C-alpha atoms as a PDB file:
ATOM      1  CA  VAL A   1     119.150 261.640  47.295  1.00  0.00           C
ATOM      2  CA  HIS A   2     115.524 262.378  46.479  1.00  0.00           C
ATOM      3  CA  LEU A   3     114.740 265.107  43.954  1.00  0.00           C
ATOM      4  CA  SER A   4     111.066 265.967  43.749  1.00  0.00           C
ATOM      5  CA  ASP A   5     108.779 268.671  42.456  1.00  0.00           C
ATOM      6  CA  VAL A   6     105.033 269.000  42.061  1.00  0.00           C
ATOM      7  CA  ASN A   7     105.653 270.251  38.508  1.00  0.00           C
ATOM      8  CA  ALA A   8     105.518 267.224  36.198  1.00  0.00           C
ATOM      9  CA  ASP A   9     107.179 269.265  33.432  1.00  0.00           C
ATOM     10  CA  VAL A  10     110.300 269.854  35.519  1.00  0.00           C
ATOM     11  CA  ILE A  11     110.480 266.188  36.542  1.00  0.00           C
ATOM     12  CA  GLY A  12     109.776 264.985  32.983  1.00  0.00           C
ATOM     13  CA  CYS A  13     112.590 267.204  31.714  1.00  0.00           C
ATOM     14  CA  TYR A  14     115.010 265.925  34.375  1.00  0.00           C
ATOM     15  CA  ARG A  15     114.130 262.343  33.443  1.00  0.00           C
ATOM     16  CA  MET A  16     114.807 262.969  29.756  1.00  0.00           C
ATOM     17  CA  VAL A  17     118.152 264.625  30.543  1.00  0.00           C
ATOM     18  CA  ARG A  18     118.970 261.613  32.737  1.00  0.00           C
ATOM     19  CA  ASP A  19     117.785 258.932  30.285  1.00  0.00           C
ATOM     20  CA  ASP A  20     118.448 260.376  26.797  1.00  0.00           C
ATOM     21  CA  VAL A  21     120.693 263.414  27.104  1.00  0.00           C
ATOM     22  CA  GLU A  22     122.123 263.153  23.577  1.00  0.00           C
ATOM     23  CA  ALA A  23     118.632 263.332  22.023  1.00  0.00           C
ATOM     24  CA  VAL A  24     117.806 266.323  24.245  1.00  0.00           C
ATOM     25  CA  ILE A  25     121.036 268.047  23.158  1.00  0.00           C
ATOM     26  CA  GLU A  26     120.342 267.368  19.477  1.00  0.00           C
ATOM     27  CA  ALA A  27     116.828 268.831  19.725  1.00  0.00           C
ATOM     28  CA  LEU A  28     118.103 271.782  21.756  1.00  0.00           C
ATOM     29  CA  GLN A  29     120.799 272.554  19.170  1.00  0.00           C
ATOM     30  CA  ALA A  30     118.078 272.750  16.487  1.00  0.00           C
ATOM     31  CA  LEU A  31     116.038 275.113  18.692  1.00  0.00           C
ATOM     32  CA  ASP A  32     119.175 277.186  19.285  1.00  0.00           C
ATOM     33  CA  ALA A  33     119.751 277.522  15.532  1.00  0.00           C
ATOM     34  CA  GLY A  34     116.133 278.551  14.998  1.00  0.00           C
ATOM     35  CA  HIS A  35     116.368 281.154  17.741  1.00  0.00           C
ATOM     36  CA  ARG A  36     119.589 282.617  16.323  1.00  0.00           C
ATOM     37  CA  ALA A  37     117.973 282.858  12.884  1.00  0.00           C
ATOM     38  CA  HIS A  38     114.503 284.136  13.870  1.00  0.00           C
ATOM     39  CA  GLY A  39     114.631 285.385  17.490  1.00  0.00           C
ATOM     40  CA  SER A  40     111.330 286.136  19.170  1.00  0.00           C
ATOM     41  CA  ARG A  41     109.298 284.884  16.198  1.00  0.00           C
ATOM     42  CA  HIS A  42     110.874 281.450  16.727  1.00  0.00           C
ATOM     43  CA  PHE A  43     110.244 281.622  20.494  1.00  0.00           C
ATOM     44  CA  TYR A  44     106.509 282.238  20.050  1.00  0.00           C
ATOM     45  CA  ALA A  45     106.186 279.611  17.319  1.00  0.00           C
ATOM     46  CA  VAL A  46     107.836 277.010  19.563  1.00  0.00           C
ATOM     47  CA  ARG A  47     105.799 278.053  22.618  1.00  0.00           C
ATOM     48  CA  ASP A  48     102.395 278.325  20.957  1.00  0.00           C
ATOM     49  CA  GLU A  49     102.507 275.907  18.020  1.00  0.00           C
ATOM     50  CA  GLN A  50     104.691 273.126  19.435  1.00  0.00           C
ATOM     51  CA  PHE A  51     105.281 273.125  23.201  1.00  0.00           C
ATOM     52  CA  ASN A  52     101.783 274.004  24.427  1.00  0.00           C
ATOM     53  CA  PRO A  53      99.889 271.568  22.141  1.00  0.00           C
ATOM     54  CA  ILE A  54     102.314 268.683  22.857  1.00  0.00           C
ATOM     55  CA  ARG A  55     102.353 269.526  26.563  1.00  0.00           C
ATOM     56  CA  ARG A  56      98.528 269.513  26.639  1.00  0.00           C
ATOM     57  CA  ASP A  57      98.517 265.983  25.163  1.00  0.00           C
ATOM     58  CA  VAL A  58     101.173 264.798  27.628  1.00  0.00           C
ATOM     59  CA  HIS A  59      99.242 266.229  30.584  1.00  0.00           C
ATOM     60  CA  ALA A  60      96.089 264.416  29.468  1.00  0.00           C
ATOM     61  CA  ARG A  61      97.840 261.145  30.368  1.00  0.00           C
ATOM     62  CA  PRO A  62      97.804 259.581  33.839  1.00  0.00           C
ATOM     63  CA  ASN A  63     101.512 260.274  34.537  1.00  0.00           C
ATOM     64  CA  PRO A  64     102.726 263.272  32.493  1.00  0.00           C
ATOM     65  CA  ALA A  65     106.332 263.129  33.728  1.00  0.00           C
ATOM     66  CA  HIS A  66     106.673 259.607  32.315  1.00  0.00           C
ATOM     67  CA  ALA A  67     105.234 260.729  28.958  1.00  0.00           C
ATOM     68  CA  TYR A  68     107.869 263.416  28.360  1.00  0.00           C
ATOM     69  CA  THR A  69     110.044 263.077  25.259  1.00  0.00           C
ATOM     70  CA  PRO A  70     113.539 264.422  24.527  1.00  0.00           C
ATOM     71  CA  GLY A  71     112.004 266.957  22.135  1.00  0.00           C
ATOM     72  CA  LEU A  72     109.565 268.255  24.730  1.00  0.00           C
ATOM     73  CA  ALA A  73     112.354 268.460  27.322  1.00  0.00           C
ATOM     74  CA  ALA A  74     114.486 270.445  24.857  1.00  0.00           C
ATOM     75  CA  MET A  75     111.588 272.845  24.232  1.00  0.00           C
ATOM     76  CA  LEU A  76     111.147 273.385  27.976  1.00  0.00           C
ATOM     77  CA  ILE A  77     114.861 274.140  28.379  1.00  0.00           C
ATOM     78  CA  TYR A  78     114.793 276.451  25.350  1.00  0.00           C
ATOM     79  CA  LEU A  79     111.734 278.359  26.590  1.00  0.00           C
ATOM     80  CA  ASN A  80     113.244 278.636  30.064  1.00  0.00           C
ATOM     81  CA  ARG A  81     116.594 279.924  28.765  1.00  0.00           C
ATOM     82  CA  THR A  82     115.046 282.473  26.365  1.00  0.00           C
ATOM     83  CA  GLY A  83     111.850 283.392  28.241  1.00  0.00           C
ATOM     84  CA  TYR A  84     111.422 286.379  30.526  1.00  0.00           C
ATOM     85  CA  ASN A  85     113.508 285.964  33.713  1.00  0.00           C
ATOM     86  CA  GLY A  86     113.727 282.189  33.205  1.00  0.00           C
ATOM     87  CA  LEU A  87     110.195 281.782  34.562  1.00  0.00           C
ATOM     88  CA  PHE A  88     107.921 278.785  34.335  1.00  0.00           C
ATOM     89  CA  ARG A  89     104.361 280.096  34.487  1.00  0.00           C
ATOM     90  CA  LEU A  90     101.007 278.758  33.360  1.00  0.00           C
ATOM     91  CA  ASN A  91      97.773 280.581  32.614  1.00  0.00           C
ATOM     92  CA  SER A  92      94.400 279.468  34.016  1.00  0.00           C
ATOM     93  CA  ARG A  93      93.965 277.053  31.081  1.00  0.00           C
ATOM     94  CA  GLY A  94      97.291 275.382  31.861  1.00  0.00           C
ATOM     95  CA  GLY A  95      99.196 276.902  28.920  1.00  0.00           C
ATOM     96  CA  PHE A  96     102.800 278.074  29.272  1.00  0.00           C
ATOM     97  CA  ASN A  97     102.522 281.847  28.841  1.00  0.00           C
ATOM     98  CA  VAL A  98     105.909 283.378  29.655  1.00  0.00           C
ATOM     99  CA  PRO A  99     106.877 286.032  27.073  1.00  0.00           C
ATOM    100  CA  VAL A 100     110.236 286.100  25.345  1.00  0.00           C
ATOM    101  CA  GLY A 101     113.062 287.652  27.371  1.00  0.00           C
ATOM    102  CA  ARG A 102     115.297 290.492  26.269  1.00  0.00           C
ATOM    103  CA  TYR A 103     118.778 289.053  26.285  1.00  0.00           C
ATOM    104  CA  ALA A 104     121.695 290.359  24.263  1.00  0.00           C
ATOM    105  CA  ARG A 105     123.398 286.963  24.558  1.00  0.00           C
ATOM    106  CA  VAL A 106     121.952 283.749  25.880  1.00  0.00           C
ATOM    107  CA  THR A 107     123.386 280.256  26.135  1.00  0.00           C
ATOM    108  CA  ILE A 108     120.645 277.942  24.948  1.00  0.00           C
ATOM    109  CA  CYS A 109     122.461 274.621  24.623  1.00  0.00           C
ATOM    110  CA  ASP A 110     125.219 273.986  27.161  1.00  0.00           C
ATOM    111  CA  ALA A 111     125.951 270.395  26.110  1.00  0.00           C
ATOM    112  CA  PRO A 112     128.810 269.746  28.573  1.00  0.00           C
ATOM    113  CA  ASN A 113     126.667 270.918  31.495  1.00  0.00           C
ATOM    114  CA  LEU A 114     123.699 268.802  30.334  1.00  0.00           C
ATOM    115  CA  ARG A 115     125.972 265.742  30.158  1.00  0.00           C
ATOM    116  CA  ARG A 116     127.253 266.435  33.695  1.00  0.00           C
ATOM    117  CA  LEU A 117     123.687 266.801  34.933  1.00  0.00           C
ATOM    118  CA  SER A 118     122.725 263.552  33.189  1.00  0.00           C
ATOM    119  CA  ALA A 119     125.560 261.710  34.927  1.00  0.00           C
ATOM    120  CA  ALA A 120     124.595 263.202  38.305  1.00  0.00           C
ATOM    121  CA  LEU A 121     120.948 262.199  37.842  1.00  0.00           C
ATOM    122  CA  ARG A 122     122.022 258.597  37.080  1.00  0.00           C
ATOM    123  CA  ARG A 123     123.888 258.163  40.383  1.00  0.00           C
ATOM    124  CA  PRO A 124     122.835 255.050  42.323  1.00  0.00           C
ATOM    125  CA  GLY A 125     120.235 255.784  44.974  1.00  0.00           C
ATOM    126  CA  LEU A 126     119.021 259.028  43.383  1.00  0.00           C
ATOM    127  CA  THR A 127     115.276 259.261  42.716  1.00  0.00           C
ATOM    128  CA  VAL A 128     113.430 261.814  40.602  1.00  0.00           C
ATOM    129  CA  ASP A 129     109.692 261.965  41.291  1.00  0.00           C
ATOM    130  CA  VAL A 130     106.620 264.154  41.074  1.00  0.00           C
ATOM    131  CA  ARG A 131     105.596 264.690  44.690  1.00  0.00           C
ATOM    132  CA  ARG A 132     103.860 267.400  46.691  1.00  0.00           C
ATOM    133  CA  PHE A 133     106.064 268.932  49.376  1.00  0.00           C
ATOM    134  CA  GLU A 134     104.025 267.411  52.218  1.00  0.00           C
ATOM    135  CA  GLU A 135     104.602 263.926  50.839  1.00  0.00           C
ATOM    136  CA  ALA A 136     108.302 264.483  50.139  1.00  0.00           C
ATOM    137  CA  LEU A 137     108.985 266.050  53.533  1.00  0.00           C
ATOM    138  CA  GLY A 138     107.177 263.220  55.298  1.00  0.00           C
ATOM    139  CA  ASP A 139     110.247 261.070  54.575  1.00  0.00           C
ATOM    140  CA  GLY A 140     112.551 263.418  56.533  1.00  0.00           C
ATOM    141  CA  ARG A 141     114.792 261.987  59.267  1.00  0.00           C
ATOM    142  CA  PRO A 142     117.244 263.384  61.801  1.00  0.00           C
ATOM    143  CA  GLY A 143     120.499 264.368  60.116  1.00  0.00           C
ATOM    144  CA  ASP A 144     118.947 264.808  56.658  1.00  0.00           C
ATOM    145  CA  PHE A 145     119.718 267.898  54.591  1.00  0.00           C
ATOM    146  CA  VAL A 146     116.574 269.265  52.922  1.00  0.00           C
ATOM    147  CA  TYR A 147     116.597 272.077  50.362  1.00  0.00           C
ATOM    148  CA  LEU A 148     113.280 273.688  49.396  1.00  0.00           C
ATOM    149  CA  ASP A 149     112.668 276.174  46.583  1.00  0.00           C
ATOM    150  CA  PRO A 150     108.923 276.887  46.538  1.00  0.00           C
ATOM    151  CA  PRO A 151     107.175 279.605  44.553  1.00  0.00           C
ATOM    152  CA  TYR A 152     108.103 282.771  46.409  1.00  0.00           C
ATOM    153  CA  ALA A 153     105.552 284.455  48.644  1.00  0.00           C
ATOM    154  CA  PRO A 154     104.432 287.844  47.247  1.00  0.00           C
ATOM    155  CA  VAL A 155     106.228 290.712  48.985  1.00  0.00           C
ATOM    156  CA  SER A 156     103.530 293.352  48.396  1.00  0.00           C
ATOM    157  CA  ARG A 157      99.818 293.652  47.586  1.00  0.00           C
ATOM    158  CA  THR A 158     100.642 294.382  43.956  1.00  0.00           C
ATOM    159  CA  SER A 159     102.802 291.277  43.507  1.00  0.00           C
ATOM    160  CA  GLN A 160     100.198 288.556  43.961  1.00  0.00           C
ATOM    161  CA  PHE A 161     101.558 286.141  41.345  1.00  0.00           C
ATOM    162  CA  THR A 162     101.562 282.570  42.713  1.00  0.00           C
ATOM    163  CA  SER A 163     100.597 280.552  39.621  1.00  0.00           C
ATOM    164  CA  TYR A 164     103.719 278.693  38.587  1.00  0.00           C
ATOM    165  CA  THR A 165     101.363 275.739  38.207  1.00  0.00           C
ATOM    166  CA  ALA A 166      97.651 275.655  37.391  1.00  0.00           C
ATOM    167  CA  ALA A 167      96.916 274.853  41.074  1.00  0.00           C
ATOM    168  CA  GLY A 168      98.883 277.864  42.383  1.00  0.00           C
ATOM    169  CA  PHE A 169     100.842 278.189  45.620  1.00  0.00           C
ATOM    170  CA  GLY A 170      99.215 280.772  47.858  1.00  0.00           C
ATOM    171  CA  PRO A 171      99.219 281.817  51.522  1.00  0.00           C
ATOM    172  CA  ASP A 172      97.739 278.527  52.781  1.00  0.00           C
ATOM    173  CA  GLU A 173     100.488 276.518  51.061  1.00  0.00           C
ATOM    174  CA  GLN A 174     103.151 278.923  52.359  1.00  0.00           C
ATOM    175  CA  ALA A 175     101.840 278.452  55.924  1.00  0.00           C
ATOM    176  CA  ARG A 176     101.790 274.637  55.581  1.00  0.00           C
ATOM    177  CA  LEU A 177     105.322 274.740  54.199  1.00  0.00           C
ATOM    178  CA  GLN A 178     106.486 276.844  57.152  1.00  0.00           C
ATOM    179  CA  GLN A 179     104.960 274.326  59.576  1.00  0.00           C
ATOM    180  CA  ALA A 180     106.632 271.445  57.736  1.00  0.00           C
ATOM    181  CA  VAL A 181     110.028 273.193  57.848  1.00  0.00           C
ATOM    182  CA  VAL A 182     109.721 273.835  61.593  1.00  0.00           C
ATOM    183  CA  GLY A 183     108.725 270.189  62.088  1.00  0.00           C
ATOM    184  CA  LEU A 184     111.757 268.958  60.130  1.00  0.00           C
ATOM    185  CA  ALA A 185     114.097 271.214  62.104  1.00  0.00           C
ATOM    186  CA  ARG A 186     112.649 269.960  65.397  1.00  0.00           C
ATOM    187  CA  LEU A 187     113.166 266.423  64.137  1.00  0.00           C
ATOM    188  CA  GLY A 188     116.884 267.167  63.678  1.00  0.00           C
ATOM    189  CA  ALA A 189     117.045 267.696  59.913  1.00  0.00           C
ATOM    190  CA  ARG A 190     119.006 270.597  58.430  1.00  0.00           C
ATOM    191  CA  VAL A 191     116.706 272.685  56.253  1.00  0.00           C
ATOM    192  CA  LEU A 192     117.513 275.403  53.723  1.00  0.00           C
ATOM    193  CA  LEU A 193     114.547 277.277  52.232  1.00  0.00           C
ATOM    194  CA  SER A 194     114.659 279.870  49.436  1.00  0.00           C
ATOM    195  CA  ASN A 195     111.826 282.378  49.563  1.00  0.00           C
ATOM    196  CA  SER A 196     111.134 286.090  49.357  1.00  0.00           C
END
């Protein structure tokens, strides 16, 4: 099993859940308590005063996914669980800019599920890497099952958002992905693609 994403934050978080799940849970429980006590004020303080500055330092290193810490992984999970629609979005300067979501009830720290995910990520033969889709799909063979979940193509002229990463994922990337999927299917792989 090969799990890959171009987003080093996602891969760094998966690696911390795999390698140090108890530290991630402990940090996430503290973020949960802060959110329950202070709500959106806590969300913005974590996003702007902690996550973005630490993330900027991590992304200044040669391999950001390897520089992730349990605390940074917990912040990413917290921001994802409490942010608007569970989005991961960056502005043009590379800062996480998703606003707080409006949830009556939200599960921030699901410790049993995190422990199950940690165990699954530690299975022999499973790799977790930062890779562009072209590189990852180049390993495809007949009989493989490939699941792809790219940034969704905009469905109208007014929904042009494609910047889940600073590099974006626009029409050219969507077309290359389509060609890669057709190539994998012709090769004999089974392919499932989520998109708009």
